[in-house]
Amino acid sequence: MQIGADEAGKGPVLGPMVAAAVRAPADAMPDDVDDSKRLTASRRDALAERLRNDAAVEVGVAVVPPARIDDPETDMNALTVAAQAEAIAAVAADGDAVRVDAGDVDAGRFGRRVEDGVDAAVTVRSEHRADEHHAHVAAASVVAKVARDAKVEALAEAYGEVGSGYPSDETTRTFLAEYVREHGDLPACARASWSTCADVLAAAEQSSLSEF
């Protein structure tokens, strides 16, 4: 059986990173599945629902919360390996052929590390931009993105408007600045080790000093 794996949310300053694995025969892949970045939100939602409801398709998901991302004993490459391996392990069986979207400049090394993290006897092939060329990886990218977006929507319900969670998003930066101004610290959903958070804290401290 074939498995594809990918992750979403490696770069945001808010919320978790989410990895997904999709295990299915080739003929179970929707004809219009594509890299999640090329699809509208509504199309991603529809594809993810179809995949999850198809009896021929198995879906594994792994969530890496901000606290784990902030752990100084790890790094994003290692976390991406671990997340993809965890998602794959949830659905893998001996003999499966796995293709993953490489989260390392060295695609071969990334694939070997993912393979080492899966207990089942699988063969992992890793390549950059695999989500653009392989249906199973594209399907995994869709599932991961939809799951990640749901996490961000939950944050908005808890905190109010938080934007996309990416450092370049002015709404996200405004949310962080206002939260720190009101509470004196970062929200639990923030990746405190990101430079964006350091900038927000430094700006708040400078603002506080200027009031004296």
N, C-alpha and C. Protein backbone atom coordinates (compact mmCIF):
# COMPACT_ATOMS: atom_id res chain seq x y z
N MET A 1 0.85 -1.20 0.00
CA MET A 1 0.00 0.00 0.00
C MET A 1 0.89 1.25 0.00
N GLN A 2 0.35 2.34 -0.54
CA GLN A 2 1.09 3.58 -0.60
C GLN A 2 0.66 4.54 0.51
N ILE A 3 1.65 5.27 1.03
CA ILE A 3 1.40 6.29 2.05
C ILE A 3 2.10 7.57 1.62
N GLY A 4 1.44 8.70 1.83
CA GLY A 4 2.06 10.00 1.63
C GLY A 4 2.02 10.76 2.94
N ALA A 5 3.04 11.57 3.21
CA ALA A 5 3.06 12.35 4.44
C ALA A 5 3.58 13.76 4.19
N ASP A 6 3.04 14.70 4.94
CA ASP A 6 3.45 16.10 4.84
C ASP A 6 3.04 16.79 6.13
N GLU A 7 3.48 18.03 6.27
CA GLU A 7 3.11 18.78 7.47
C GLU A 7 2.66 20.18 7.09
N ALA A 8 1.97 20.84 8.02
CA ALA A 8 1.55 22.22 7.85
C ALA A 8 1.84 22.97 9.14
N GLY A 9 2.19 24.24 9.00
CA GLY A 9 2.39 25.06 10.20
C GLY A 9 3.78 25.01 10.77
N LYS A 10 4.79 24.83 9.92
CA LYS A 10 6.16 24.83 10.43
C LYS A 10 6.59 26.25 10.82
N GLY A 11 6.16 27.25 10.07
CA GLY A 11 6.66 28.60 10.25
C GLY A 11 5.86 29.56 11.12
N PRO A 12 4.59 29.31 11.43
CA PRO A 12 3.82 30.28 12.20
C PRO A 12 4.36 30.51 13.61
N VAL A 13 4.00 31.66 14.17
CA VAL A 13 4.38 31.99 15.54
C VAL A 13 3.29 31.58 16.52
N LEU A 14 2.11 31.26 16.01
CA LEU A 14 0.99 30.83 16.85
C LEU A 14 0.55 29.42 16.48
N GLY A 15 0.19 28.66 17.49
CA GLY A 15 -0.42 27.36 17.26
C GLY A 15 0.57 26.26 16.95
N PRO A 16 0.05 25.05 16.78
CA PRO A 16 0.90 23.87 16.59
C PRO A 16 1.32 23.67 15.14
N MET A 17 2.29 22.80 14.96
CA MET A 17 2.56 22.22 13.65
C MET A 17 1.77 20.92 13.59
N VAL A 18 1.22 20.60 12.43
CA VAL A 18 0.42 19.40 12.26
C VAL A 18 0.97 18.59 11.09
N ALA A 19 1.21 17.31 11.30
CA ALA A 19 1.63 16.41 10.23
C ALA A 19 0.51 15.42 9.96
N ALA A 20 0.42 14.98 8.71
CA ALA A 20 -0.61 14.00 8.36
C ALA A 20 -0.01 12.95 7.43
N ALA A 21 -0.57 11.76 7.50
CA ALA A 21 -0.22 10.67 6.59
C ALA A 21 -1.50 10.10 6.02
N VAL A 22 -1.48 9.81 4.73
CA VAL A 22 -2.64 9.23 4.06
C VAL A 22 -2.20 7.91 3.44
N ARG A 23 -2.87 6.83 3.83
CA ARG A 23 -2.58 5.49 3.32
C ARG A 23 -3.77 5.03 2.48
N ALA A 24 -3.52 4.69 1.23
CA ALA A 24 -4.64 4.31 0.35
C ALA A 24 -4.11 3.71 -0.94
N PRO A 25 -4.93 2.90 -1.61
CA PRO A 25 -4.57 2.46 -2.97
C PRO A 25 -4.62 3.66 -3.90
N ALA A 26 -3.88 3.60 -4.97
CA ALA A 26 -3.78 4.75 -5.88
C ALA A 26 -5.14 5.18 -6.43
N ASP A 27 -6.02 4.22 -6.68
CA ASP A 27 -7.31 4.58 -7.29
C ASP A 27 -8.28 5.23 -6.31
N ALA A 28 -7.88 5.32 -5.05
CA ALA A 28 -8.73 6.00 -4.06
C ALA A 28 -8.43 7.49 -3.97
N MET A 29 -7.35 7.93 -4.61
CA MET A 29 -6.99 9.35 -4.57
C MET A 29 -7.92 10.16 -5.47
N PRO A 30 -8.50 11.24 -4.94
CA PRO A 30 -9.36 12.10 -5.78
C PRO A 30 -8.57 12.65 -6.97
N ASP A 31 -9.20 12.74 -8.12
CA ASP A 31 -8.52 13.20 -9.33
C ASP A 31 -8.01 14.63 -9.19
N ASP A 32 -8.71 15.44 -8.41
CA ASP A 32 -8.35 16.86 -8.30
C ASP A 32 -7.54 17.18 -7.05
N VAL A 33 -6.99 16.17 -6.38
CA VAL A 33 -6.18 16.45 -5.21
C VAL A 33 -4.90 17.16 -5.67
N ASP A 34 -4.44 18.12 -4.86
CA ASP A 34 -3.27 18.91 -5.23
C ASP A 34 -2.62 19.44 -3.96
N ASP A 35 -1.43 19.97 -4.13
CA ASP A 35 -0.75 20.65 -3.03
C ASP A 35 -1.74 21.61 -2.37
N SER A 36 -1.84 21.56 -1.06
CA SER A 36 -2.84 22.35 -0.34
C SER A 36 -2.73 23.85 -0.63
N LYS A 37 -1.52 24.32 -0.90
CA LYS A 37 -1.32 25.75 -1.15
C LYS A 37 -1.95 26.20 -2.47
N ARG A 38 -2.24 25.25 -3.34
CA ARG A 38 -2.84 25.58 -4.63
C ARG A 38 -4.36 25.53 -4.61
N LEU A 39 -4.93 25.17 -3.48
CA LEU A 39 -6.37 24.97 -3.37
C LEU A 39 -7.01 26.03 -2.49
N THR A 40 -8.27 26.33 -2.76
CA THR A 40 -9.01 27.24 -1.89
C THR A 40 -9.34 26.51 -0.58
N ALA A 41 -9.66 27.28 0.44
CA ALA A 41 -10.00 26.69 1.74
C ALA A 41 -11.20 25.77 1.62
N SER A 42 -12.21 26.17 0.85
CA SER A 42 -13.40 25.33 0.72
C SER A 42 -13.08 24.03 0.00
N ARG A 43 -12.20 24.09 -0.99
CA ARG A 43 -11.83 22.87 -1.70
C ARG A 43 -11.03 21.94 -0.80
N ARG A 44 -10.12 22.52 0.01
CA ARG A 44 -9.35 21.71 0.96
C ARG A 44 -10.29 21.02 1.94
N ASP A 45 -11.26 21.75 2.46
CA ASP A 45 -12.20 21.17 3.42
C ASP A 45 -12.96 20.00 2.80
N ALA A 46 -13.40 20.18 1.56
CA ALA A 46 -14.17 19.13 0.90
C ALA A 46 -13.31 17.89 0.64
N LEU A 47 -12.07 18.09 0.22
CA LEU A 47 -11.18 16.97 -0.04
C LEU A 47 -10.84 16.24 1.26
N ALA A 48 -10.56 16.99 2.31
CA ALA A 48 -10.22 16.36 3.59
C ALA A 48 -11.38 15.52 4.10
N GLU A 49 -12.59 16.04 3.97
CA GLU A 49 -13.77 15.29 4.41
C GLU A 49 -13.95 14.03 3.58
N ARG A 50 -13.75 14.15 2.28
CA ARG A 50 -13.88 12.98 1.40
C ARG A 50 -12.86 11.91 1.76
N LEU A 51 -11.62 12.32 1.99
CA LEU A 51 -10.58 11.36 2.34
C LEU A 51 -10.89 10.65 3.66
N ARG A 52 -11.33 11.42 4.64
CA ARG A 52 -11.62 10.84 5.96
C ARG A 52 -12.83 9.91 5.92
N ASN A 53 -13.74 10.14 4.99
CA ASN A 53 -14.96 9.33 4.93
C ASN A 53 -14.85 8.14 3.98
N ASP A 54 -13.73 8.02 3.28
CA ASP A 54 -13.54 6.92 2.34
C ASP A 54 -13.00 5.71 3.09
N ALA A 55 -13.73 4.60 3.03
CA ALA A 55 -13.33 3.39 3.76
C ALA A 55 -11.99 2.83 3.27
N ALA A 56 -11.60 3.19 2.05
CA ALA A 56 -10.34 2.69 1.49
C ALA A 56 -9.14 3.51 1.94
N VAL A 57 -9.41 4.63 2.61
CA VAL A 57 -8.35 5.57 2.99
C VAL A 57 -8.17 5.58 4.51
N GLU A 58 -6.92 5.51 4.95
CA GLU A 58 -6.60 5.66 6.37
C GLU A 58 -5.81 6.94 6.56
N VAL A 59 -6.14 7.67 7.61
CA VAL A 59 -5.51 8.96 7.87
C VAL A 59 -4.89 8.97 9.26
N GLY A 60 -3.63 9.36 9.33
CA GLY A 60 -2.95 9.54 10.61
C GLY A 60 -2.55 11.00 10.77
N VAL A 61 -2.72 11.53 11.97
CA VAL A 61 -2.39 12.94 12.24
C VAL A 61 -1.56 13.04 13.51
N ALA A 62 -0.55 13.89 13.47
CA ALA A 62 0.28 14.15 14.65
C ALA A 62 0.33 15.66 14.88
N VAL A 63 0.16 16.08 16.12
CA VAL A 63 0.14 17.50 16.47
C VAL A 63 1.32 17.82 17.38
N VAL A 64 2.09 18.84 17.00
CA VAL A 64 3.24 19.28 17.79
C VAL A 64 2.90 20.64 18.39
N PRO A 65 2.62 20.71 19.70
CA PRO A 65 2.18 21.97 20.32
C PRO A 65 3.33 22.96 20.50
N PRO A 66 3.00 24.23 20.73
CA PRO A 66 4.04 25.25 20.89
C PRO A 66 5.06 24.93 21.98
N ALA A 67 4.61 24.35 23.09
CA ALA A 67 5.54 24.04 24.18
C ALA A 67 6.63 23.07 23.72
N ARG A 68 6.26 22.12 22.90
CA ARG A 68 7.25 21.17 22.39
C ARG A 68 8.17 21.84 21.38
N ILE A 69 7.63 22.74 20.59
CA ILE A 69 8.43 23.49 19.62
C ILE A 69 9.45 24.36 20.34
N ASP A 70 9.06 24.91 21.48
CA ASP A 70 9.95 25.81 22.24
C ASP A 70 11.02 25.07 23.05
N ASP A 71 10.93 23.76 23.13
CA ASP A 71 11.90 22.98 23.90
C ASP A 71 13.31 23.20 23.34
N PRO A 72 14.23 23.72 24.14
CA PRO A 72 15.59 24.00 23.63
C PRO A 72 16.37 22.74 23.27
N GLU A 73 15.87 21.58 23.67
CA GLU A 73 16.57 20.33 23.38
C GLU A 73 16.26 19.79 21.98
N THR A 74 15.40 20.50 21.24
CA THR A 74 15.05 20.01 19.90
C THR A 74 15.13 21.14 18.90
N ASP A 75 14.79 20.86 17.65
CA ASP A 75 14.77 21.87 16.59
C ASP A 75 13.68 21.49 15.59
N MET A 76 13.37 22.39 14.67
CA MET A 76 12.25 22.15 13.76
C MET A 76 12.49 20.98 12.83
N ASN A 77 13.72 20.76 12.40
CA ASN A 77 13.99 19.60 11.55
C ASN A 77 13.65 18.30 12.28
N ALA A 78 14.13 18.19 13.52
CA ALA A 78 13.86 16.98 14.31
C ALA A 78 12.38 16.83 14.59
N LEU A 79 11.70 17.94 14.86
CA LEU A 79 10.27 17.88 15.14
C LEU A 79 9.47 17.50 13.90
N THR A 80 9.90 17.98 12.74
CA THR A 80 9.22 17.62 11.50
C THR A 80 9.37 16.14 11.21
N VAL A 81 10.58 15.62 11.42
CA VAL A 81 10.80 14.18 11.29
C VAL A 81 9.89 13.41 12.23
N ALA A 82 9.90 13.81 13.50
CA ALA A 82 9.12 13.10 14.51
C ALA A 82 7.62 13.16 14.21
N ALA A 83 7.15 14.31 13.76
CA ALA A 83 5.72 14.46 13.48
C ALA A 83 5.30 13.60 12.29
N GLN A 84 6.09 13.64 11.22
CA GLN A 84 5.74 12.81 10.07
C GLN A 84 5.81 11.32 10.43
N ALA A 85 6.84 10.94 11.18
CA ALA A 85 6.98 9.54 11.57
C ALA A 85 5.78 9.10 12.43
N GLU A 86 5.35 9.96 13.33
CA GLU A 86 4.20 9.63 14.19
C GLU A 86 2.93 9.47 13.37
N ALA A 87 2.71 10.37 12.42
CA ALA A 87 1.52 10.28 11.57
C ALA A 87 1.55 9.01 10.72
N ILE A 88 2.73 8.71 10.16
CA ILE A 88 2.87 7.50 9.34
C ILE A 88 2.65 6.25 10.18
N ALA A 89 3.25 6.23 11.36
CA ALA A 89 3.15 5.05 12.23
C ALA A 89 1.71 4.73 12.61
N ALA A 90 0.85 5.75 12.62
CA ALA A 90 -0.55 5.54 12.99
C ALA A 90 -1.31 4.71 11.96
N VAL A 91 -0.78 4.65 10.71
CA VAL A 91 -1.51 3.93 9.66
C VAL A 91 -0.67 2.87 8.95
N ALA A 92 0.64 2.84 9.18
CA ALA A 92 1.54 2.00 8.39
C ALA A 92 1.45 0.52 8.73
N ALA A 93 1.74 -0.29 7.72
CA ALA A 93 1.87 -1.73 7.88
C ALA A 93 3.14 -2.18 7.17
N ASP A 94 3.67 -3.32 7.57
CA ASP A 94 4.90 -3.83 6.95
C ASP A 94 4.74 -3.91 5.43
N GLY A 95 5.76 -3.45 4.74
CA GLY A 95 5.76 -3.51 3.29
C GLY A 95 5.21 -2.28 2.59
N ASP A 96 4.67 -1.32 3.34
CA ASP A 96 4.13 -0.12 2.71
C ASP A 96 5.25 0.71 2.07
N ALA A 97 4.90 1.37 0.97
CA ALA A 97 5.81 2.30 0.30
C ALA A 97 5.39 3.72 0.68
N VAL A 98 6.29 4.44 1.31
CA VAL A 98 5.97 5.77 1.85
C VAL A 98 6.74 6.83 1.07
N ARG A 99 6.05 7.90 0.73
CA ARG A 99 6.71 9.05 0.13
C ARG A 99 6.40 10.26 0.99
N VAL A 100 7.44 11.04 1.30
CA VAL A 100 7.26 12.19 2.19
C VAL A 100 7.80 13.45 1.53
N ASP A 101 7.24 14.58 1.96
CA ASP A 101 7.75 15.88 1.54
C ASP A 101 8.93 16.22 2.47
N ALA A 102 10.11 16.37 1.89
CA ALA A 102 11.32 16.55 2.69
C ALA A 102 11.30 17.86 3.47
N GLY A 103 11.57 17.75 4.77
CA GLY A 103 11.64 18.92 5.63
C GLY A 103 13.07 19.29 5.99
N ASP A 104 13.99 18.90 5.15
CA ASP A 104 15.42 19.10 5.39
C ASP A 104 16.05 19.40 4.02
N VAL A 105 17.12 20.20 4.01
CA VAL A 105 17.79 20.48 2.74
C VAL A 105 18.33 19.19 2.11
N ASP A 106 18.65 18.22 2.95
CA ASP A 106 19.11 16.91 2.48
C ASP A 106 17.92 15.97 2.50
N ALA A 107 17.28 15.80 1.34
CA ALA A 107 16.06 15.00 1.28
C ALA A 107 16.30 13.55 1.69
N GLY A 108 17.43 12.98 1.25
CA GLY A 108 17.72 11.59 1.59
C GLY A 108 17.86 11.39 3.08
N ARG A 109 18.55 12.31 3.74
CA ARG A 109 18.72 12.22 5.19
C ARG A 109 17.39 12.30 5.90
N PHE A 110 16.54 13.21 5.43
CA PHE A 110 15.23 13.36 6.05
C PHE A 110 14.44 12.06 5.94
N GLY A 111 14.46 11.46 4.76
CA GLY A 111 13.73 10.21 4.57
C GLY A 111 14.24 9.09 5.45
N ARG A 112 15.54 9.00 5.60
CA ARG A 112 16.11 7.96 6.47
C ARG A 112 15.70 8.16 7.91
N ARG A 113 15.67 9.40 8.34
CA ARG A 113 15.29 9.68 9.74
C ARG A 113 13.82 9.36 9.98
N VAL A 114 12.97 9.67 9.01
CA VAL A 114 11.56 9.33 9.14
C VAL A 114 11.39 7.82 9.18
N GLU A 115 12.06 7.11 8.29
CA GLU A 115 11.96 5.65 8.25
C GLU A 115 12.40 5.04 9.57
N ASP A 116 13.46 5.58 10.15
CA ASP A 116 13.94 5.08 11.45
C ASP A 116 12.92 5.29 12.57
N GLY A 117 12.04 6.28 12.38
CA GLY A 117 11.06 6.61 13.42
C GLY A 117 9.77 5.81 13.33
N VAL A 118 9.66 4.95 12.33
CA VAL A 118 8.44 4.14 12.14
C VAL A 118 8.75 2.69 12.46
N ASP A 119 7.99 2.10 13.36
CA ASP A 119 8.24 0.72 13.77
C ASP A 119 7.96 -0.28 12.65
N ALA A 120 6.94 -0.01 11.84
CA ALA A 120 6.62 -0.93 10.74
C ALA A 120 7.76 -0.95 9.73
N ALA A 121 7.89 -2.06 9.03
CA ALA A 121 8.95 -2.21 8.03
C ALA A 121 8.51 -1.56 6.72
N VAL A 122 8.70 -0.25 6.64
CA VAL A 122 8.30 0.50 5.46
C VAL A 122 9.53 1.01 4.72
N THR A 123 9.33 1.37 3.47
CA THR A 123 10.38 2.01 2.68
C THR A 123 9.97 3.45 2.43
N VAL A 124 10.82 4.39 2.86
CA VAL A 124 10.48 5.80 2.74
C VAL A 124 11.32 6.46 1.65
N ARG A 125 10.65 7.14 0.73
CA ARG A 125 11.31 7.97 -0.27
C ARG A 125 10.96 9.42 0.03
N SER A 126 11.96 10.25 0.05
CA SER A 126 11.77 11.65 0.42
C SER A 126 12.22 12.56 -0.71
N GLU A 127 11.43 13.58 -0.98
CA GLU A 127 11.86 14.56 -1.99
C GLU A 127 11.24 15.91 -1.68
N HIS A 128 11.91 16.95 -2.15
CA HIS A 128 11.39 18.29 -1.97
C HIS A 128 10.21 18.53 -2.91
N ARG A 129 9.20 19.26 -2.41
CA ARG A 129 8.00 19.59 -3.18
C ARG A 129 7.26 18.34 -3.66
N ALA A 130 7.34 17.29 -2.86
CA ALA A 130 6.63 16.06 -3.21
C ALA A 130 5.13 16.28 -3.27
N ASP A 131 4.63 17.26 -2.50
CA ASP A 131 3.19 17.53 -2.50
C ASP A 131 2.70 18.08 -3.84
N GLU A 132 3.64 18.53 -4.68
CA GLU A 132 3.26 19.05 -5.99
C GLU A 132 3.24 17.95 -7.07
N HIS A 133 3.83 16.81 -6.75
CA HIS A 133 4.02 15.79 -7.78
C HIS A 133 3.41 14.43 -7.46
N HIS A 134 3.03 14.19 -6.21
CA HIS A 134 2.54 12.87 -5.81
C HIS A 134 1.21 13.00 -5.08
N ALA A 135 0.20 12.30 -5.58
CA ALA A 135 -1.17 12.46 -5.07
C ALA A 135 -1.28 12.14 -3.58
N HIS A 136 -0.61 11.09 -3.12
CA HIS A 136 -0.72 10.73 -1.70
C HIS A 136 -0.13 11.82 -0.79
N VAL A 137 0.96 12.42 -1.23
CA VAL A 137 1.58 13.49 -0.43
C VAL A 137 0.70 14.74 -0.49
N ALA A 138 0.15 15.02 -1.67
CA ALA A 138 -0.77 16.15 -1.79
C ALA A 138 -1.97 15.96 -0.87
N ALA A 139 -2.49 14.74 -0.82
CA ALA A 139 -3.63 14.45 0.06
C ALA A 139 -3.24 14.68 1.51
N ALA A 140 -2.04 14.25 1.88
CA ALA A 140 -1.57 14.46 3.26
C ALA A 140 -1.42 15.95 3.56
N SER A 141 -0.95 16.71 2.57
CA SER A 141 -0.80 18.15 2.77
C SER A 141 -2.15 18.81 3.01
N VAL A 142 -3.17 18.33 2.32
CA VAL A 142 -4.52 18.86 2.50
C VAL A 142 -5.05 18.54 3.89
N VAL A 143 -4.92 17.30 4.30
CA VAL A 143 -5.39 16.90 5.63
C VAL A 143 -4.67 17.69 6.73
N ALA A 144 -3.35 17.84 6.58
CA ALA A 144 -2.57 18.57 7.58
C ALA A 144 -2.98 20.03 7.64
N LYS A 145 -3.16 20.64 6.48
CA LYS A 145 -3.54 22.06 6.43
C LYS A 145 -4.91 22.28 7.04
N VAL A 146 -5.87 21.42 6.71
CA VAL A 146 -7.22 21.57 7.26
C VAL A 146 -7.20 21.39 8.78
N ALA A 147 -6.42 20.42 9.26
CA ALA A 147 -6.32 20.20 10.70
C ALA A 147 -5.66 21.39 11.39
N ARG A 148 -4.63 21.93 10.78
CA ARG A 148 -3.94 23.10 11.33
C ARG A 148 -4.88 24.31 11.34
N ASP A 149 -5.62 24.53 10.25
CA ASP A 149 -6.56 25.66 10.19
C ASP A 149 -7.63 25.54 11.28
N ALA A 150 -8.05 24.31 11.56
CA ALA A 150 -9.04 24.12 12.62
C ALA A 150 -8.48 24.53 13.97
N LYS A 151 -7.20 24.25 14.19
CA LYS A 151 -6.55 24.66 15.43
C LYS A 151 -6.51 26.18 15.54
N VAL A 152 -6.22 26.86 14.43
CA VAL A 152 -6.18 28.32 14.44
C VAL A 152 -7.58 28.90 14.68
N GLU A 153 -8.59 28.27 14.09
CA GLU A 153 -9.97 28.71 14.32
C GLU A 153 -10.34 28.57 15.80
N ALA A 154 -9.86 27.51 16.43
CA ALA A 154 -10.13 27.31 17.86
C ALA A 154 -9.44 28.40 18.68
N LEU A 155 -8.25 28.82 18.24
CA LEU A 155 -7.56 29.90 18.94
C LEU A 155 -8.35 31.19 18.83
N ALA A 156 -8.91 31.45 17.66
CA ALA A 156 -9.71 32.65 17.47
C ALA A 156 -10.95 32.64 18.36
N GLU A 157 -11.52 31.46 18.56
CA GLU A 157 -12.68 31.35 19.44
C GLU A 157 -12.29 31.62 20.89
N ALA A 158 -11.06 31.23 21.24
CA ALA A 158 -10.60 31.40 22.62
C ALA A 158 -10.08 32.80 22.91
N TYR A 159 -9.40 33.38 21.92
CA TYR A 159 -8.70 34.65 22.16
C TYR A 159 -9.28 35.85 21.41
N GLY A 160 -10.12 35.61 20.42
CA GLY A 160 -10.51 36.68 19.52
C GLY A 160 -9.68 36.59 18.25
N GLU A 161 -9.72 37.61 17.44
CA GLU A 161 -9.03 37.59 16.14
C GLU A 161 -7.53 37.44 16.32
N VAL A 162 -6.97 36.37 15.75
CA VAL A 162 -5.52 36.13 15.86
C VAL A 162 -4.83 36.11 14.50
N GLY A 163 -5.60 36.27 13.44
CA GLY A 163 -5.01 36.22 12.10
C GLY A 163 -4.64 34.81 11.71
N SER A 164 -3.69 34.70 10.79
CA SER A 164 -3.27 33.40 10.28
C SER A 164 -2.28 32.70 11.20
N GLY A 165 -1.68 33.47 12.09
CA GLY A 165 -0.67 32.91 12.98
C GLY A 165 0.75 33.07 12.46
N TYR A 166 0.90 33.57 11.22
CA TYR A 166 2.23 33.74 10.65
C TYR A 166 2.84 35.08 11.06
N PRO A 167 4.16 35.12 11.24
CA PRO A 167 4.82 36.37 11.68
C PRO A 167 4.60 37.54 10.76
N SER A 168 4.39 37.29 9.46
CA SER A 168 4.19 38.37 8.50
C SER A 168 2.78 38.96 8.54
N ASP A 169 1.89 38.32 9.27
CA ASP A 169 0.49 38.74 9.35
C ASP A 169 0.35 39.86 10.38
N GLU A 170 -0.04 41.04 9.94
CA GLU A 170 -0.16 42.18 10.85
C GLU A 170 -1.20 41.93 11.93
N THR A 171 -2.27 41.21 11.59
CA THR A 171 -3.30 40.89 12.58
C THR A 171 -2.71 40.03 13.70
N THR A 172 -1.88 39.07 13.33
CA THR A 172 -1.23 38.21 14.32
C THR A 172 -0.29 39.02 15.21
N ARG A 173 0.49 39.89 14.61
CA ARG A 173 1.42 40.71 15.39
C ARG A 173 0.66 41.65 16.33
N THR A 174 -0.45 42.19 15.84
CA THR A 174 -1.25 43.08 16.68
C THR A 174 -1.85 42.31 17.86
N PHE A 175 -2.35 41.11 17.58
CA PHE A 175 -2.89 40.28 18.65
C PHE A 175 -1.84 40.03 19.74
N LEU A 176 -0.64 39.65 19.33
CA LEU A 176 0.42 39.38 20.30
C LEU A 176 0.76 40.63 21.11
N ALA A 177 0.89 41.76 20.43
CA ALA A 177 1.25 43.00 21.12
C ALA A 177 0.18 43.39 22.14
N GLU A 178 -1.08 43.29 21.74
CA GLU A 178 -2.17 43.66 22.65
C GLU A 178 -2.29 42.68 23.81
N TYR A 179 -2.06 41.40 23.53
CA TYR A 179 -2.13 40.40 24.61
C TYR A 179 -1.04 40.66 25.64
N VAL A 180 0.17 40.92 25.18
CA VAL A 180 1.28 41.19 26.10
C VAL A 180 1.03 42.48 26.87
N ARG A 181 0.48 43.48 26.19
CA ARG A 181 0.20 44.75 26.86
C ARG A 181 -0.81 44.55 27.98
N GLU A 182 -1.80 43.69 27.75
CA GLU A 182 -2.86 43.46 28.74
C GLU A 182 -2.46 42.50 29.84
N HIS A 183 -1.70 41.45 29.48
CA HIS A 183 -1.41 40.38 30.44
C HIS A 183 0.03 40.35 30.93
N GLY A 184 0.89 41.08 30.27
CA GLY A 184 2.28 41.11 30.71
C GLY A 184 3.11 39.92 30.29
N ASP A 185 2.53 39.03 29.49
CA ASP A 185 3.26 37.84 29.03
C ASP A 185 2.61 37.34 27.75
N LEU A 186 3.26 36.37 27.13
CA LEU A 186 2.75 35.80 25.89
C LEU A 186 1.62 34.81 26.17
N PRO A 187 0.70 34.63 25.21
CA PRO A 187 -0.34 33.61 25.37
C PRO A 187 0.27 32.22 25.22
N ALA A 188 -0.39 31.24 25.78
CA ALA A 188 0.11 29.86 25.73
C ALA A 188 0.19 29.33 24.32
N CYS A 189 -0.57 29.91 23.40
CA CYS A 189 -0.58 29.44 22.02
C CYS A 189 0.60 29.96 21.21
N ALA A 190 1.40 30.85 21.79
CA ALA A 190 2.52 31.44 21.05
C ALA A 190 3.78 30.59 21.18
N ARG A 191 4.58 30.60 20.12
CA ARG A 191 5.89 29.94 20.15
C ARG A 191 6.89 30.96 20.70
N ALA A 192 7.13 30.87 21.99
CA ALA A 192 7.92 31.88 22.68
C ALA A 192 9.35 31.98 22.15
N SER A 193 9.84 30.91 21.56
CA SER A 193 11.22 30.91 21.05
C SER A 193 11.36 31.60 19.71
N TRP A 194 10.24 31.97 19.08
CA TRP A 194 10.29 32.66 17.79
C TRP A 194 10.74 34.11 18.00
N SER A 195 11.48 34.65 17.06
CA SER A 195 11.97 36.02 17.17
C SER A 195 10.83 37.03 17.21
N THR A 196 9.71 36.69 16.59
CA THR A 196 8.54 37.58 16.63
C THR A 196 8.11 37.83 18.06
N CYS A 197 8.11 36.80 18.88
CA CYS A 197 7.71 36.93 20.28
C CYS A 197 8.73 37.77 21.05
N ALA A 198 10.00 37.55 20.78
CA ALA A 198 11.04 38.35 21.43
C ALA A 198 10.87 39.82 21.08
N ASP A 199 10.55 40.10 19.83
CA ASP A 199 10.35 41.48 19.39
C ASP A 199 9.16 42.11 20.10
N VAL A 200 8.07 41.35 20.23
CA VAL A 200 6.87 41.87 20.89
C VAL A 200 7.15 42.15 22.37
N LEU A 201 7.84 41.25 23.03
CA LEU A 201 8.18 41.45 24.45
C LEU A 201 9.11 42.64 24.63
N ALA A 202 10.08 42.78 23.74
CA ALA A 202 11.03 43.91 23.84
C ALA A 202 10.30 45.23 23.62
N ALA A 203 9.38 45.26 22.66
CA ALA A 203 8.62 46.48 22.39
C ALA A 203 7.75 46.85 23.58
N ALA A 204 7.16 45.86 24.22
CA ALA A 204 6.31 46.11 25.39
C ALA A 204 7.14 46.65 26.55
N GLU A 205 8.32 46.07 26.72
CA GLU A 205 9.20 46.55 27.79
C GLU A 205 9.65 47.98 27.54
N GLN A 206 10.00 48.29 26.29
CA GLN A 206 10.42 49.64 25.96
C GLN A 206 9.30 50.64 26.17
N SER A 207 8.08 50.21 25.80
CA SER A 207 6.92 51.08 25.98
C SER A 207 6.67 51.35 27.46
N SER A 208 6.85 50.31 28.28
CA SER A 208 6.65 50.44 29.71
C SER A 208 7.68 51.40 30.31
N LEU A 209 8.93 51.30 29.87
CA LEU A 209 9.98 52.17 30.38
C LEU A 209 9.75 53.61 30.00
N SER A 210 9.21 53.82 28.80
CA SER A 210 9.00 55.19 28.32
C SER A 210 7.90 55.90 29.09
N GLU A 211 7.08 55.14 29.82
CA GLU A 211 5.99 55.74 30.58
C GLU A 211 6.48 56.36 31.88
N PHE A 212 7.69 55.99 32.28
CA PHE A 212 8.22 56.57 33.55
C PHE A 212 8.80 57.94 33.30
